[in-house]
Amino acid sequence: MTRPPAFSSNPPVLLRRLTPADGPEMVRVVMESVAHLRPWMAWAADDLTAEQVLANAAASTDAWDRGEDYSYAIVVDTAIVGRCGMIPRIGPGGLELGYWLHPTHTGRGLATLATAALVDAAFTLPHIDHLKIIHDSANTHSRAIPQRLGFHEVARVSPPQEPLTSAENGVDVHWLLTRAQYLAHRTPAG
């Protein structure tokens, strides 16, 4: 099975395959971000522990090797500032993309740059013909990213696919980008 590249960049952002060695830095980044993430991400629960974050970083290698989850550290100036990834859970030929940043790194376009690098990495895989981003309709910050990157809203679904969090309204917005749209968006006119 073909795997995505271990690195993808869109300066100043570098995506680097997450490994167990990233565990200690991920613990810091996640634990500092929990209050910021909790309203939107069910995994960022009140009882999240450093041990769980370490275990997740360690498990990322096996998940990557099995083709179940391709997780990347989002790196800026050699420091991990967030995480993004691709999960093959939307059917054949597709990947679902996800992303989050440490709160001190939001509002500067880094999530958009990271997601653009993730899109580039995803479409290096010859069997991938479409990508999806799914977020709660109340999460307007997440909405801006697929809009900027040429994704098209294709559905609003309720109930949501994941447990509801405190800020969510329970309506998942599905955004789609096909390989053809990606290539057309990145091909110079003329």
C-alpha atoms as a PDB file:
ATOM      1  CA  MET A   1       0.000   0.000   0.000  1.00  0.00           C
ATOM      2  CA  THR A   2       1.244   3.461  -0.910  1.00  0.00           C
ATOM      3  CA  ARG A   3       1.740   5.877   1.981  1.00  0.00           C
ATOM      4  CA  PRO A   4       1.845   9.669   1.951  1.00  0.00           C
ATOM      5  CA  PRO A   5       5.183  11.452   2.253  1.00  0.00           C
ATOM      6  CA  ALA A   6       6.655  11.748   5.747  1.00  0.00           C
ATOM      7  CA  PHE A   7       7.177  15.480   5.180  1.00  0.00           C
ATOM      8  CA  SER A   8       5.209  18.205   3.408  1.00  0.00           C
ATOM      9  CA  SER A   9       5.869  21.915   3.564  1.00  0.00           C
ATOM     10  CA  ASN A  10       4.199  25.205   2.857  1.00  0.00           C
ATOM     11  CA  PRO A  11       6.605  27.743   4.391  1.00  0.00           C
ATOM     12  CA  PRO A  12       6.816  28.667   7.153  1.00  0.00           C
ATOM     13  CA  VAL A  13       4.903  25.477   7.995  1.00  0.00           C
ATOM     14  CA  LEU A  14       6.467  22.030   7.879  1.00  0.00           C
ATOM     15  CA  LEU A  15       4.410  18.885   8.337  1.00  0.00           C
ATOM     16  CA  ARG A  16       6.441  16.030   9.782  1.00  0.00           C
ATOM     17  CA  ARG A  17       5.180  12.508  10.326  1.00  0.00           C
ATOM     18  CA  LEU A  18       4.324  12.197  14.012  1.00  0.00           C
ATOM     19  CA  THR A  19       6.520   9.671  15.846  1.00  0.00           C
ATOM     20  CA  PRO A  20       6.863   8.462  19.432  1.00  0.00           C
ATOM     21  CA  ALA A  21       9.882  10.772  19.786  1.00  0.00           C
ATOM     22  CA  ASP A  22       7.446  13.700  19.456  1.00  0.00           C
ATOM     23  CA  GLY A  23       5.539  12.492  22.510  1.00  0.00           C
ATOM     24  CA  PRO A  24       7.025  14.807  25.154  1.00  0.00           C
ATOM     25  CA  GLU A  25       6.621  17.926  23.005  1.00  0.00           C
ATOM     26  CA  MET A  26       3.097  16.856  22.002  1.00  0.00           C
ATOM     27  CA  VAL A  27       2.231  16.497  25.703  1.00  0.00           C
ATOM     28  CA  ARG A  28       3.229  20.118  26.278  1.00  0.00           C
ATOM     29  CA  VAL A  29       1.416  21.412  23.195  1.00  0.00           C
ATOM     30  CA  VAL A  30      -1.755  19.414  23.855  1.00  0.00           C
ATOM     31  CA  MET A  31      -1.944  20.147  27.575  1.00  0.00           C
ATOM     32  CA  GLU A  32      -1.450  23.880  26.926  1.00  0.00           C
ATOM     33  CA  SER A  33      -4.180  23.715  24.252  1.00  0.00           C
ATOM     34  CA  VAL A  34      -6.839  21.638  26.027  1.00  0.00           C
ATOM     35  CA  ALA A  35      -8.966  24.575  27.197  1.00  0.00           C
ATOM     36  CA  HIS A  36      -8.843  26.048  23.677  1.00  0.00           C
ATOM     37  CA  LEU A  37      -9.706  22.715  21.998  1.00  0.00           C
ATOM     38  CA  ARG A  38     -12.255  21.304  24.457  1.00  0.00           C
ATOM     39  CA  PRO A  39     -15.240  23.266  23.074  1.00  0.00           C
ATOM     40  CA  TRP A  40     -14.694  21.684  19.631  1.00  0.00           C
ATOM     41  CA  MET A  41     -12.926  18.334  20.075  1.00  0.00           C
ATOM     42  CA  ALA A  42     -14.344  15.504  22.145  1.00  0.00           C
ATOM     43  CA  TRP A  43     -10.905  13.971  22.749  1.00  0.00           C
ATOM     44  CA  ALA A  44      -9.792  17.145  24.598  1.00  0.00           C
ATOM     45  CA  ALA A  45     -11.779  16.156  27.684  1.00  0.00           C
ATOM     46  CA  ASP A  46     -11.290  17.493  31.203  1.00  0.00           C
ATOM     47  CA  ASP A  47      -9.716  14.220  32.240  1.00  0.00           C
ATOM     48  CA  LEU A  48      -7.184  13.999  29.373  1.00  0.00           C
ATOM     49  CA  THR A  49      -3.820  12.945  30.788  1.00  0.00           C
ATOM     50  CA  ALA A  50      -0.220  13.319  29.670  1.00  0.00           C
ATOM     51  CA  GLU A  51      -0.013   9.522  29.559  1.00  0.00           C
ATOM     52  CA  GLN A  52      -2.875   9.398  27.044  1.00  0.00           C
ATOM     53  CA  VAL A  53      -1.161  11.974  24.841  1.00  0.00           C
ATOM     54  CA  LEU A  54       2.107  10.004  24.971  1.00  0.00           C
ATOM     55  CA  ALA A  55       0.282   6.771  24.147  1.00  0.00           C
ATOM     56  CA  ASN A  56      -1.452   8.439  21.213  1.00  0.00           C
ATOM     57  CA  ALA A  57       1.854   9.715  19.814  1.00  0.00           C
ATOM     58  CA  ALA A  58       3.344   6.230  20.197  1.00  0.00           C
ATOM     59  CA  ALA A  59       0.340   4.605  18.502  1.00  0.00           C
ATOM     60  CA  SER A  60       0.599   6.980  15.552  1.00  0.00           C
ATOM     61  CA  THR A  61       3.511   5.018  14.070  1.00  0.00           C
ATOM     62  CA  ASP A  62       1.576   1.753  13.970  1.00  0.00           C
ATOM     63  CA  ALA A  63      -1.570   3.478  12.678  1.00  0.00           C
ATOM     64  CA  TRP A  64       0.468   5.051   9.859  1.00  0.00           C
ATOM     65  CA  ASP A  65       2.097   1.737   8.967  1.00  0.00           C
ATOM     66  CA  ARG A  66      -1.330   0.023   8.870  1.00  0.00           C
ATOM     67  CA  GLY A  67      -2.774   2.808   6.713  1.00  0.00           C
ATOM     68  CA  GLU A  68      -5.373   3.755   9.356  1.00  0.00           C
ATOM     69  CA  ASP A  69      -4.299   7.307  10.237  1.00  0.00           C
ATOM     70  CA  TYR A  70      -1.611   9.580   8.847  1.00  0.00           C
ATOM     71  CA  SER A  71      -0.761  12.048  11.623  1.00  0.00           C
ATOM     72  CA  TYR A  72       1.625  14.950  11.237  1.00  0.00           C
ATOM     73  CA  ALA A  73       3.158  17.374  13.691  1.00  0.00           C
ATOM     74  CA  ILE A  74       2.698  20.945  12.478  1.00  0.00           C
ATOM     75  CA  VAL A  75       6.124  22.546  12.900  1.00  0.00           C
ATOM     76  CA  VAL A  76       7.069  26.232  12.700  1.00  0.00           C
ATOM     77  CA  ASP A  77      10.647  27.333  13.426  1.00  0.00           C
ATOM     78  CA  THR A  78      11.514  23.817  14.699  1.00  0.00           C
ATOM     79  CA  ALA A  79       8.715  23.848  17.320  1.00  0.00           C
ATOM     80  CA  ILE A  80       5.547  21.746  17.207  1.00  0.00           C
ATOM     81  CA  VAL A  81       2.572  24.116  17.150  1.00  0.00           C
ATOM     82  CA  GLY A  82      -0.247  21.681  16.387  1.00  0.00           C
ATOM     83  CA  ARG A  83      -1.278  18.510  14.674  1.00  0.00           C
ATOM     84  CA  CYS A  84      -3.059  17.516  11.505  1.00  0.00           C
ATOM     85  CA  GLY A  85      -3.812  14.306   9.737  1.00  0.00           C
ATOM     86  CA  MET A  86      -5.639  12.222   7.187  1.00  0.00           C
ATOM     87  CA  ILE A  87      -7.946   9.330   8.003  1.00  0.00           C
ATOM     88  CA  PRO A  88      -9.289   6.894   5.372  1.00  0.00           C
ATOM     89  CA  ARG A  89     -12.784   6.706   6.867  1.00  0.00           C
ATOM     90  CA  ILE A  90     -14.914   8.281   4.139  1.00  0.00           C
ATOM     91  CA  GLY A  91     -14.924   5.392   1.682  1.00  0.00           C
ATOM     92  CA  PRO A  92     -12.729   4.191  -1.167  1.00  0.00           C
ATOM     93  CA  GLY A  93     -10.532   6.822  -2.787  1.00  0.00           C
ATOM     94  CA  GLY A  94     -11.052   9.353  -0.028  1.00  0.00           C
ATOM     95  CA  LEU A  95      -9.400  10.800   3.046  1.00  0.00           C
ATOM     96  CA  GLU A  96     -10.852  12.953   5.803  1.00  0.00           C
ATOM     97  CA  LEU A  97      -8.575  15.787   6.915  1.00  0.00           C
ATOM     98  CA  GLY A  98      -8.352  17.268  10.388  1.00  0.00           C
ATOM     99  CA  TYR A  99      -6.235  19.944  12.070  1.00  0.00           C
ATOM    100  CA  TRP A 100      -5.722  21.963  15.234  1.00  0.00           C
ATOM    101  CA  LEU A 101      -3.226  24.522  16.514  1.00  0.00           C
ATOM    102  CA  HIS A 102      -1.896  25.654  19.872  1.00  0.00           C
ATOM    103  CA  PRO A 103      -3.884  28.817  20.768  1.00  0.00           C
ATOM    104  CA  THR A 104      -0.818  31.093  20.614  1.00  0.00           C
ATOM    105  CA  HIS A 105      -0.430  30.190  16.932  1.00  0.00           C
ATOM    106  CA  THR A 106      -3.996  30.797  15.716  1.00  0.00           C
ATOM    107  CA  GLY A 107      -5.113  33.737  13.618  1.00  0.00           C
ATOM    108  CA  ARG A 108      -1.952  33.876  11.499  1.00  0.00           C
ATOM    109  CA  GLY A 109      -2.962  31.592   8.628  1.00  0.00           C
ATOM    110  CA  LEU A 110      -0.858  28.678   9.861  1.00  0.00           C
ATOM    111  CA  ALA A 111      -3.777  26.221   9.935  1.00  0.00           C
ATOM    112  CA  THR A 112      -4.591  27.110   6.334  1.00  0.00           C
ATOM    113  CA  LEU A 113      -0.947  26.678   5.288  1.00  0.00           C
ATOM    114  CA  ALA A 114      -0.735  23.361   7.154  1.00  0.00           C
ATOM    115  CA  THR A 115      -3.956  22.098   5.599  1.00  0.00           C
ATOM    116  CA  ALA A 116      -2.745  23.128   2.132  1.00  0.00           C
ATOM    117  CA  ALA A 117       0.423  21.086   2.728  1.00  0.00           C
ATOM    118  CA  LEU A 118      -1.769  18.211   3.917  1.00  0.00           C
ATOM    119  CA  VAL A 119      -3.851  18.419   0.726  1.00  0.00           C
ATOM    120  CA  ASP A 120      -0.652  18.331  -1.349  1.00  0.00           C
ATOM    121  CA  ALA A 121       0.543  15.255   0.581  1.00  0.00           C
ATOM    122  CA  ALA A 122      -2.817  13.506   0.195  1.00  0.00           C
ATOM    123  CA  PHE A 123      -2.891  13.927  -3.557  1.00  0.00           C
ATOM    124  CA  THR A 124       0.554  12.336  -3.942  1.00  0.00           C
ATOM    125  CA  LEU A 125      -1.320   9.087  -3.310  1.00  0.00           C
ATOM    126  CA  PRO A 126      -2.465   7.771  -6.701  1.00  0.00           C
ATOM    127  CA  HIS A 127      -5.555   6.034  -5.310  1.00  0.00           C
ATOM    128  CA  ILE A 128      -6.929   9.175  -3.640  1.00  0.00           C
ATOM    129  CA  ASP A 129      -9.468  11.067  -5.737  1.00  0.00           C
ATOM    130  CA  HIS A 130     -11.234  13.162  -3.102  1.00  0.00           C
ATOM    131  CA  LEU A 131     -10.739  14.760   0.300  1.00  0.00           C
ATOM    132  CA  LYS A 132     -13.222  15.860   2.936  1.00  0.00           C
ATOM    133  CA  ILE A 133     -13.095  18.267   5.822  1.00  0.00           C
ATOM    134  CA  ILE A 134     -15.906  17.908   8.347  1.00  0.00           C
ATOM    135  CA  HIS A 135     -16.577  20.396  11.138  1.00  0.00           C
ATOM    136  CA  ASP A 136     -19.479  21.516  13.284  1.00  0.00           C
ATOM    137  CA  SER A 137     -21.414  24.374  11.705  1.00  0.00           C
ATOM    138  CA  ALA A 138     -20.841  26.537  14.791  1.00  0.00           C
ATOM    139  CA  ASN A 139     -17.064  26.363  14.270  1.00  0.00           C
ATOM    140  CA  THR A 140     -16.633  29.335  11.957  1.00  0.00           C
ATOM    141  CA  HIS A 141     -12.836  29.330  12.276  1.00  0.00           C
ATOM    142  CA  SER A 142     -12.681  25.799  10.855  1.00  0.00           C
ATOM    143  CA  ARG A 143     -15.088  26.799   8.094  1.00  0.00           C
ATOM    144  CA  ALA A 144     -12.683  29.414   6.760  1.00  0.00           C
ATOM    145  CA  ILE A 145      -9.971  26.860   5.966  1.00  0.00           C
ATOM    146  CA  PRO A 146     -11.800  24.702   3.387  1.00  0.00           C
ATOM    147  CA  GLN A 147     -13.283  27.855   1.862  1.00  0.00           C
ATOM    148  CA  ARG A 148      -9.794  29.317   1.325  1.00  0.00           C
ATOM    149  CA  LEU A 149      -8.467  26.064  -0.151  1.00  0.00           C
ATOM    150  CA  GLY A 150     -11.123  25.531  -2.824  1.00  0.00           C
ATOM    151  CA  PHE A 151     -13.247  22.903  -1.071  1.00  0.00           C
ATOM    152  CA  HIS A 152     -16.992  22.973  -1.772  1.00  0.00           C
ATOM    153  CA  GLU A 153     -19.676  22.504   0.850  1.00  0.00           C
ATOM    154  CA  VAL A 154     -21.603  19.375  -0.128  1.00  0.00           C
ATOM    155  CA  ALA A 155     -23.727  18.468   2.898  1.00  0.00           C
ATOM    156  CA  ARG A 156     -24.923  19.306   6.373  1.00  0.00           C
ATOM    157  CA  VAL A 157     -25.509  16.219   8.469  1.00  0.00           C
ATOM    158  CA  SER A 158     -27.172  15.705  11.825  1.00  0.00           C
ATOM    159  CA  PRO A 159     -26.582  13.943  14.119  1.00  0.00           C
ATOM    160  CA  PRO A 160     -22.801  14.467  13.980  1.00  0.00           C
ATOM    161  CA  GLN A 161     -20.364  11.586  13.445  1.00  0.00           C
ATOM    162  CA  GLU A 162     -18.534  12.250  16.733  1.00  0.00           C
ATOM    163  CA  PRO A 163     -19.704  13.067  20.268  1.00  0.00           C
ATOM    164  CA  LEU A 164     -21.063  16.578  20.713  1.00  0.00           C
ATOM    165  CA  THR A 165     -18.928  19.079  22.633  1.00  0.00           C
ATOM    166  CA  SER A 166     -19.922  22.206  24.549  1.00  0.00           C
ATOM    167  CA  ALA A 167     -19.666  24.724  21.680  1.00  0.00           C
ATOM    168  CA  GLU A 168     -21.065  22.532  18.922  1.00  0.00           C
ATOM    169  CA  ASN A 169     -24.632  22.620  17.650  1.00  0.00           C
ATOM    170  CA  GLY A 170     -24.691  19.068  16.272  1.00  0.00           C
ATOM    171  CA  VAL A 171     -24.681  19.818  12.545  1.00  0.00           C
ATOM    172  CA  ASP A 172     -21.628  18.534  10.668  1.00  0.00           C
ATOM    173  CA  VAL A 173     -20.648  20.532   7.580  1.00  0.00           C
ATOM    174  CA  HIS A 174     -19.020  18.372   4.890  1.00  0.00           C
ATOM    175  CA  TRP A 175     -16.555  20.000   2.491  1.00  0.00           C
ATOM    176  CA  LEU A 176     -15.248  18.171  -0.592  1.00  0.00           C
ATOM    177  CA  LEU A 177     -12.231  18.669  -2.834  1.00  0.00           C
ATOM    178  CA  THR A 178     -11.731  16.311  -5.771  1.00  0.00           C
ATOM    179  CA  ARG A 179      -8.413  15.616  -7.446  1.00  0.00           C
ATOM    180  CA  ALA A 180      -9.705  17.333 -10.606  1.00  0.00           C
ATOM    181  CA  GLN A 181     -10.633  20.457  -8.620  1.00  0.00           C
ATOM    182  CA  TYR A 182      -7.248  20.390  -6.889  1.00  0.00           C
ATOM    183  CA  LEU A 183      -5.378  20.141 -10.197  1.00  0.00           C
ATOM    184  CA  ALA A 184      -7.482  22.866 -11.822  1.00  0.00           C
ATOM    185  CA  HIS A 185      -6.977  25.163  -8.839  1.00  0.00           C
ATOM    186  CA  ARG A 186      -3.197  24.691  -8.971  1.00  0.00           C
ATOM    187  CA  THR A 187      -2.715  24.792 -12.743  1.00  0.00           C
ATOM    188  CA  PRO A 188      -1.753  28.241 -14.064  1.00  0.00           C
ATOM    189  CA  ALA A 189      -4.279  29.750 -16.453  1.00  0.00           C
ATOM    190  CA  GLY A 190      -3.292  30.045 -20.058  1.00  0.00           C
END
